[in-house]
Amino acid sequence: MSNDKREDTGRFTERVILEDVLGVFTRVDGPVVTSGDVANALDCSRETARRKLRTLEDQEQVASRKTAGRVVWWKINEQESEQEINPDDPIWNFKPGASGKSDVSENVDEILYGKRSA
């Protein structure tokens, strides 16, 4: 018999919540997790872990990639996904390939190494 609890309707209650899955990312060494990592940490099946990770991916909280026959998952950094380009940044005033200094090629050693070329 299963140890899973059922609701009054007879459906199984959800034991693994999305917040718990996100918490696994802080407990596992490295920047990525596998569904096996989540399953081991939360004592659930790999299929349950995959379903939860896919739900988080649909919500754009995590991303995934298949590599070496495995799918790895990582948290999406909100700050990185919300970067905006500042049109007033002075970098946009330079011509492509320009550094902003007119004599860079003549003084490259001095600029790079702090000494004059011979």
N, C-alpha and C. Protein backbone atom coordinates (compact mmCIF):
# COMPACT_ATOMS: atom_id res chain seq x y z
N MET A 1 0.83 -1.20 0.00
CA MET A 1 0.00 0.00 0.00
C MET A 1 0.86 1.25 0.00
N SER A 2 0.35 2.28 -0.58
CA SER A 2 1.07 3.54 -0.69
C SER A 2 0.97 4.33 0.61
N ASN A 3 2.04 5.07 0.91
CA ASN A 3 2.03 5.94 2.08
C ASN A 3 1.49 7.33 1.76
N ASP A 4 1.14 7.57 0.48
CA ASP A 4 0.66 8.89 0.08
C ASP A 4 -0.73 9.13 0.67
N LYS A 5 -0.95 10.36 1.06
CA LYS A 5 -2.24 10.74 1.64
C LYS A 5 -3.19 11.15 0.53
N ARG A 6 -4.45 10.94 0.78
CA ARG A 6 -5.48 11.30 -0.20
C ARG A 6 -6.38 12.39 0.37
N GLU A 7 -6.90 13.20 -0.57
CA GLU A 7 -7.89 14.21 -0.19
C GLU A 7 -9.23 13.53 0.03
N ASP A 8 -10.22 14.30 0.46
CA ASP A 8 -11.57 13.75 0.65
C ASP A 8 -12.15 13.23 -0.66
N THR A 9 -11.69 13.79 -1.77
CA THR A 9 -12.20 13.37 -3.08
C THR A 9 -11.55 12.07 -3.56
N GLY A 10 -10.51 11.62 -2.86
CA GLY A 10 -9.82 10.40 -3.26
C GLY A 10 -8.54 10.65 -4.04
N ARG A 11 -8.33 11.91 -4.44
CA ARG A 11 -7.10 12.25 -5.16
C ARG A 11 -5.95 12.32 -4.17
N PHE A 12 -4.75 11.98 -4.67
CA PHE A 12 -3.57 12.10 -3.82
C PHE A 12 -3.27 13.56 -3.55
N THR A 13 -2.82 13.87 -2.36
CA THR A 13 -2.42 15.24 -2.03
C THR A 13 -1.02 15.48 -2.59
N GLU A 14 -0.78 16.70 -2.93
CA GLU A 14 0.51 17.06 -3.50
C GLU A 14 1.54 17.20 -2.39
N ARG A 15 2.60 16.39 -2.44
CA ARG A 15 3.63 16.42 -1.42
C ARG A 15 4.79 17.34 -1.81
N VAL A 16 5.05 17.45 -3.10
CA VAL A 16 6.20 18.23 -3.57
C VAL A 16 5.68 19.54 -4.15
N ILE A 17 6.05 20.65 -3.51
CA ILE A 17 5.61 21.95 -4.01
C ILE A 17 6.78 22.63 -4.72
N LEU A 18 6.45 23.57 -5.58
CA LEU A 18 7.46 24.21 -6.42
C LEU A 18 8.54 24.92 -5.60
N GLU A 19 8.17 25.51 -4.47
CA GLU A 19 9.15 26.20 -3.63
C GLU A 19 10.20 25.22 -3.12
N ASP A 20 9.76 23.98 -2.81
CA ASP A 20 10.71 22.96 -2.35
C ASP A 20 11.69 22.60 -3.47
N VAL A 21 11.19 22.52 -4.69
CA VAL A 21 12.05 22.20 -5.83
C VAL A 21 13.08 23.31 -6.02
N LEU A 22 12.65 24.56 -5.94
CA LEU A 22 13.60 25.68 -6.06
C LEU A 22 14.64 25.64 -4.95
N GLY A 23 14.25 25.18 -3.78
CA GLY A 23 15.18 25.09 -2.66
C GLY A 23 16.30 24.09 -2.90
N VAL A 24 16.07 23.11 -3.76
CA VAL A 24 17.10 22.12 -4.05
C VAL A 24 18.31 22.78 -4.72
N PHE A 25 18.10 23.83 -5.48
CA PHE A 25 19.19 24.51 -6.18
C PHE A 25 20.22 25.06 -5.20
N THR A 26 19.79 25.43 -4.01
CA THR A 26 20.73 25.97 -3.02
C THR A 26 21.43 24.86 -2.24
N ARG A 27 20.87 23.67 -2.25
CA ARG A 27 21.45 22.56 -1.49
C ARG A 27 22.41 21.69 -2.29
N VAL A 28 22.35 21.75 -3.62
CA VAL A 28 23.18 20.92 -4.48
C VAL A 28 24.43 21.69 -4.88
N ASP A 29 25.58 21.01 -4.84
CA ASP A 29 26.82 21.66 -5.28
C ASP A 29 26.75 21.91 -6.79
N GLY A 30 27.13 23.10 -7.20
CA GLY A 30 27.16 23.43 -8.62
C GLY A 30 25.98 24.27 -9.03
N PRO A 31 26.05 24.80 -10.24
CA PRO A 31 25.01 25.71 -10.72
C PRO A 31 23.80 25.02 -11.34
N VAL A 32 23.86 23.69 -11.55
CA VAL A 32 22.74 22.98 -12.19
C VAL A 32 22.31 21.80 -11.34
N VAL A 33 21.08 21.34 -11.58
CA VAL A 33 20.57 20.14 -10.93
C VAL A 33 19.97 19.24 -12.00
N THR A 34 19.81 17.97 -11.65
CA THR A 34 19.11 17.01 -12.51
C THR A 34 17.82 16.62 -11.81
N SER A 35 16.95 15.95 -12.54
CA SER A 35 15.71 15.49 -11.91
C SER A 35 16.04 14.47 -10.81
N GLY A 36 17.14 13.75 -10.97
CA GLY A 36 17.58 12.82 -9.93
C GLY A 36 17.97 13.54 -8.65
N ASP A 37 18.64 14.69 -8.79
CA ASP A 37 18.98 15.49 -7.62
C ASP A 37 17.73 15.91 -6.86
N VAL A 38 16.74 16.37 -7.61
CA VAL A 38 15.49 16.82 -6.99
C VAL A 38 14.77 15.64 -6.35
N ALA A 39 14.73 14.51 -7.06
CA ALA A 39 14.05 13.32 -6.53
C ALA A 39 14.70 12.85 -5.24
N ASN A 40 16.03 12.83 -5.21
CA ASN A 40 16.72 12.40 -3.99
C ASN A 40 16.50 13.37 -2.84
N ALA A 41 16.57 14.66 -3.13
CA ALA A 41 16.44 15.66 -2.07
C ALA A 41 15.03 15.71 -1.49
N LEU A 42 14.03 15.46 -2.32
CA LEU A 42 12.65 15.61 -1.87
C LEU A 42 11.92 14.28 -1.69
N ASP A 43 12.65 13.19 -1.84
CA ASP A 43 12.08 11.86 -1.67
C ASP A 43 10.82 11.67 -2.52
N CYS A 44 11.00 11.89 -3.82
CA CYS A 44 9.90 11.70 -4.77
C CYS A 44 10.45 10.97 -5.99
N SER A 45 9.59 10.62 -6.92
CA SER A 45 10.04 9.94 -8.13
C SER A 45 10.72 10.93 -9.07
N ARG A 46 11.54 10.40 -9.97
CA ARG A 46 12.18 11.26 -10.98
C ARG A 46 11.12 11.89 -11.88
N GLU A 47 10.08 11.16 -12.17
CA GLU A 47 9.02 11.70 -13.02
C GLU A 47 8.33 12.89 -12.35
N THR A 48 8.07 12.79 -11.06
CA THR A 48 7.50 13.93 -10.32
C THR A 48 8.46 15.11 -10.37
N ALA A 49 9.75 14.84 -10.17
CA ALA A 49 10.76 15.91 -10.21
C ALA A 49 10.77 16.56 -11.59
N ARG A 50 10.74 15.74 -12.66
CA ARG A 50 10.73 16.31 -14.02
C ARG A 50 9.50 17.17 -14.26
N ARG A 51 8.34 16.69 -13.81
CA ARG A 51 7.10 17.47 -13.99
C ARG A 51 7.20 18.82 -13.30
N LYS A 52 7.71 18.81 -12.07
CA LYS A 52 7.83 20.07 -11.32
C LYS A 52 8.84 21.00 -11.99
N LEU A 53 9.97 20.45 -12.45
CA LEU A 53 10.97 21.28 -13.13
C LEU A 53 10.41 21.86 -14.43
N ARG A 54 9.64 21.06 -15.17
CA ARG A 54 9.01 21.59 -16.40
C ARG A 54 8.02 22.71 -16.08
N THR A 55 7.27 22.55 -14.99
CA THR A 55 6.34 23.61 -14.58
C THR A 55 7.11 24.89 -14.27
N LEU A 56 8.22 24.75 -13.55
CA LEU A 56 9.04 25.93 -13.24
C LEU A 56 9.63 26.54 -14.51
N GLU A 57 9.96 25.70 -15.48
CA GLU A 57 10.47 26.22 -16.75
C GLU A 57 9.37 26.98 -17.50
N ASP A 58 8.15 26.44 -17.48
CA ASP A 58 7.01 27.13 -18.11
C ASP A 58 6.76 28.48 -17.46
N GLN A 59 7.05 28.59 -16.16
CA GLN A 59 6.89 29.84 -15.42
C GLN A 59 8.12 30.74 -15.54
N GLU A 60 9.10 30.32 -16.33
CA GLU A 60 10.34 31.06 -16.58
C GLU A 60 11.15 31.32 -15.30
N GLN A 61 11.10 30.34 -14.37
CA GLN A 61 11.91 30.43 -13.16
C GLN A 61 13.19 29.62 -13.31
N VAL A 62 13.16 28.59 -14.17
CA VAL A 62 14.34 27.78 -14.46
C VAL A 62 14.43 27.57 -15.97
N ALA A 63 15.61 27.15 -16.41
CA ALA A 63 15.83 26.80 -17.81
C ALA A 63 16.51 25.44 -17.84
N SER A 64 16.48 24.79 -19.02
CA SER A 64 17.07 23.46 -19.11
C SER A 64 17.84 23.30 -20.41
N ARG A 65 18.67 22.24 -20.41
CA ARG A 65 19.43 21.90 -21.61
C ARG A 65 19.78 20.42 -21.51
N LYS A 66 19.67 19.72 -22.64
CA LYS A 66 20.06 18.32 -22.65
C LYS A 66 21.54 18.25 -22.99
N THR A 67 22.31 17.56 -22.17
CA THR A 67 23.74 17.42 -22.40
C THR A 67 24.18 16.03 -21.95
N ALA A 68 24.96 15.37 -22.78
CA ALA A 68 25.48 14.03 -22.48
C ALA A 68 24.36 13.07 -22.06
N GLY A 69 23.23 13.16 -22.74
CA GLY A 69 22.13 12.26 -22.45
C GLY A 69 21.32 12.59 -21.22
N ARG A 70 21.62 13.69 -20.57
CA ARG A 70 20.88 14.11 -19.36
C ARG A 70 20.36 15.52 -19.57
N VAL A 71 19.28 15.81 -18.87
CA VAL A 71 18.77 17.18 -18.87
C VAL A 71 19.23 17.84 -17.58
N VAL A 72 19.87 18.99 -17.72
CA VAL A 72 20.28 19.76 -16.55
C VAL A 72 19.41 21.01 -16.48
N TRP A 73 19.17 21.46 -15.28
CA TRP A 73 18.29 22.60 -15.01
C TRP A 73 19.05 23.63 -14.20
N TRP A 74 18.80 24.91 -14.44
CA TRP A 74 19.39 25.98 -13.64
C TRP A 74 18.37 27.08 -13.43
N LYS A 75 18.56 27.79 -12.33
CA LYS A 75 17.66 28.91 -12.03
C LYS A 75 17.99 30.07 -12.95
N ILE A 76 16.97 30.75 -13.38
CA ILE A 76 17.15 31.94 -14.22
C ILE A 76 17.33 33.13 -13.29
N ASN A 77 18.40 33.88 -13.53
CA ASN A 77 18.69 35.06 -12.73
C ASN A 77 17.79 36.18 -13.21
N GLU A 78 16.91 36.66 -12.34
CA GLU A 78 15.96 37.71 -12.72
C GLU A 78 16.66 38.97 -13.18
N GLN A 79 17.77 39.32 -12.55
CA GLN A 79 18.48 40.55 -12.93
C GLN A 79 19.03 40.43 -14.33
N GLU A 80 19.54 39.26 -14.72
CA GLU A 80 20.08 39.08 -16.06
C GLU A 80 18.98 39.17 -17.11
N SER A 81 17.80 38.61 -16.82
CA SER A 81 16.74 38.61 -17.81
C SER A 81 16.08 39.97 -17.95
N GLU A 82 16.32 40.89 -17.02
CA GLU A 82 15.68 42.19 -17.07
C GLU A 82 16.65 43.32 -17.41
N GLN A 83 17.83 42.99 -17.94
CA GLN A 83 18.78 44.04 -18.28
C GLN A 83 18.22 44.89 -19.41
N GLU A 84 18.41 46.17 -19.27
CA GLU A 84 17.97 47.08 -20.31
C GLU A 84 19.17 47.80 -20.89
N ILE A 85 19.05 48.18 -22.13
CA ILE A 85 20.10 48.95 -22.80
C ILE A 85 19.83 50.42 -22.54
N ASN A 86 20.87 51.12 -22.09
CA ASN A 86 20.75 52.54 -21.83
C ASN A 86 21.17 53.29 -23.09
N PRO A 87 20.25 53.89 -23.81
CA PRO A 87 20.61 54.58 -25.06
C PRO A 87 21.47 55.82 -24.81
N ASP A 88 21.54 56.30 -23.57
CA ASP A 88 22.35 57.48 -23.26
C ASP A 88 23.77 57.11 -22.85
N ASP A 89 24.09 55.81 -22.81
CA ASP A 89 25.44 55.38 -22.44
C ASP A 89 26.43 55.92 -23.48
N PRO A 90 27.55 56.53 -23.03
CA PRO A 90 28.51 57.11 -23.96
C PRO A 90 29.14 56.10 -24.92
N ILE A 91 29.04 54.82 -24.62
CA ILE A 91 29.61 53.81 -25.51
C ILE A 91 28.99 53.88 -26.91
N TRP A 92 27.76 54.33 -26.96
CA TRP A 92 27.07 54.40 -28.26
C TRP A 92 27.57 55.55 -29.12
N ASN A 93 28.39 56.45 -28.57
CA ASN A 93 28.93 57.56 -29.35
C ASN A 93 30.14 57.17 -30.18
N PHE A 94 30.76 56.02 -29.87
CA PHE A 94 31.94 55.58 -30.61
C PHE A 94 31.55 54.91 -31.91
N LYS A 95 32.41 55.07 -32.91
CA LYS A 95 32.22 54.35 -34.16
C LYS A 95 32.62 52.90 -33.91
N PRO A 96 32.05 51.95 -34.66
CA PRO A 96 32.42 50.54 -34.48
C PRO A 96 33.94 50.36 -34.61
N GLY A 97 34.54 49.67 -33.66
CA GLY A 97 35.97 49.42 -33.67
C GLY A 97 36.78 50.52 -33.02
N ALA A 98 36.15 51.60 -32.63
CA ALA A 98 36.88 52.73 -32.02
C ALA A 98 36.95 52.54 -30.51
N SER A 99 38.02 53.05 -29.93
CA SER A 99 38.18 52.94 -28.49
C SER A 99 37.84 54.23 -27.77
N GLY A 100 37.68 55.29 -28.52
CA GLY A 100 37.44 56.59 -27.92
C GLY A 100 38.68 57.43 -27.84
N LYS A 101 39.84 56.81 -28.10
CA LYS A 101 41.11 57.54 -28.11
C LYS A 101 41.65 57.48 -29.53
N SER A 102 42.19 58.59 -30.00
CA SER A 102 42.63 58.64 -31.39
C SER A 102 44.01 58.06 -31.62
N ASP A 103 44.85 57.98 -30.59
CA ASP A 103 46.23 57.53 -30.80
C ASP A 103 46.50 56.15 -30.20
N VAL A 104 45.49 55.33 -30.09
CA VAL A 104 45.65 54.03 -29.46
C VAL A 104 46.65 53.17 -30.21
N SER A 105 46.55 53.08 -31.53
CA SER A 105 47.44 52.19 -32.27
C SER A 105 48.90 52.62 -32.17
N GLU A 106 49.16 53.93 -32.06
CA GLU A 106 50.54 54.38 -31.95
C GLU A 106 51.10 54.15 -30.55
N ASN A 107 50.26 54.11 -29.55
CA ASN A 107 50.71 54.00 -28.16
C ASN A 107 50.20 52.73 -27.48
N VAL A 108 50.01 51.67 -28.24
CA VAL A 108 49.42 50.47 -27.68
C VAL A 108 50.24 49.88 -26.54
N ASP A 109 51.59 49.89 -26.65
CA ASP A 109 52.42 49.35 -25.56
C ASP A 109 52.25 50.15 -24.29
N GLU A 110 52.23 51.47 -24.43
CA GLU A 110 52.07 52.32 -23.27
C GLU A 110 50.70 52.12 -22.61
N ILE A 111 49.68 51.97 -23.45
CA ILE A 111 48.33 51.79 -22.94
C ILE A 111 48.20 50.44 -22.25
N LEU A 112 48.72 49.38 -22.88
CA LEU A 112 48.58 48.05 -22.34
C LEU A 112 49.54 47.74 -21.21
N TYR A 113 50.82 48.19 -21.37
CA TYR A 113 51.86 47.77 -20.42
C TYR A 113 52.44 48.93 -19.59
N GLY A 114 52.00 50.14 -19.87
CA GLY A 114 52.50 51.27 -19.10
C GLY A 114 53.90 51.68 -19.48
N LYS A 115 54.37 51.34 -20.67
CA LYS A 115 55.70 51.74 -21.12
C LYS A 115 55.65 52.08 -22.60
N ARG A 116 56.59 52.91 -23.01
CA ARG A 116 56.66 53.34 -24.41
C ARG A 116 57.32 52.27 -25.25
N SER A 117 56.86 52.13 -26.50
CA SER A 117 57.48 51.16 -27.42
C SER A 117 58.75 51.77 -27.99
N ALA A 118 59.67 50.93 -28.42
CA ALA A 118 60.98 51.40 -28.92
C ALA A 118 60.88 51.98 -30.30
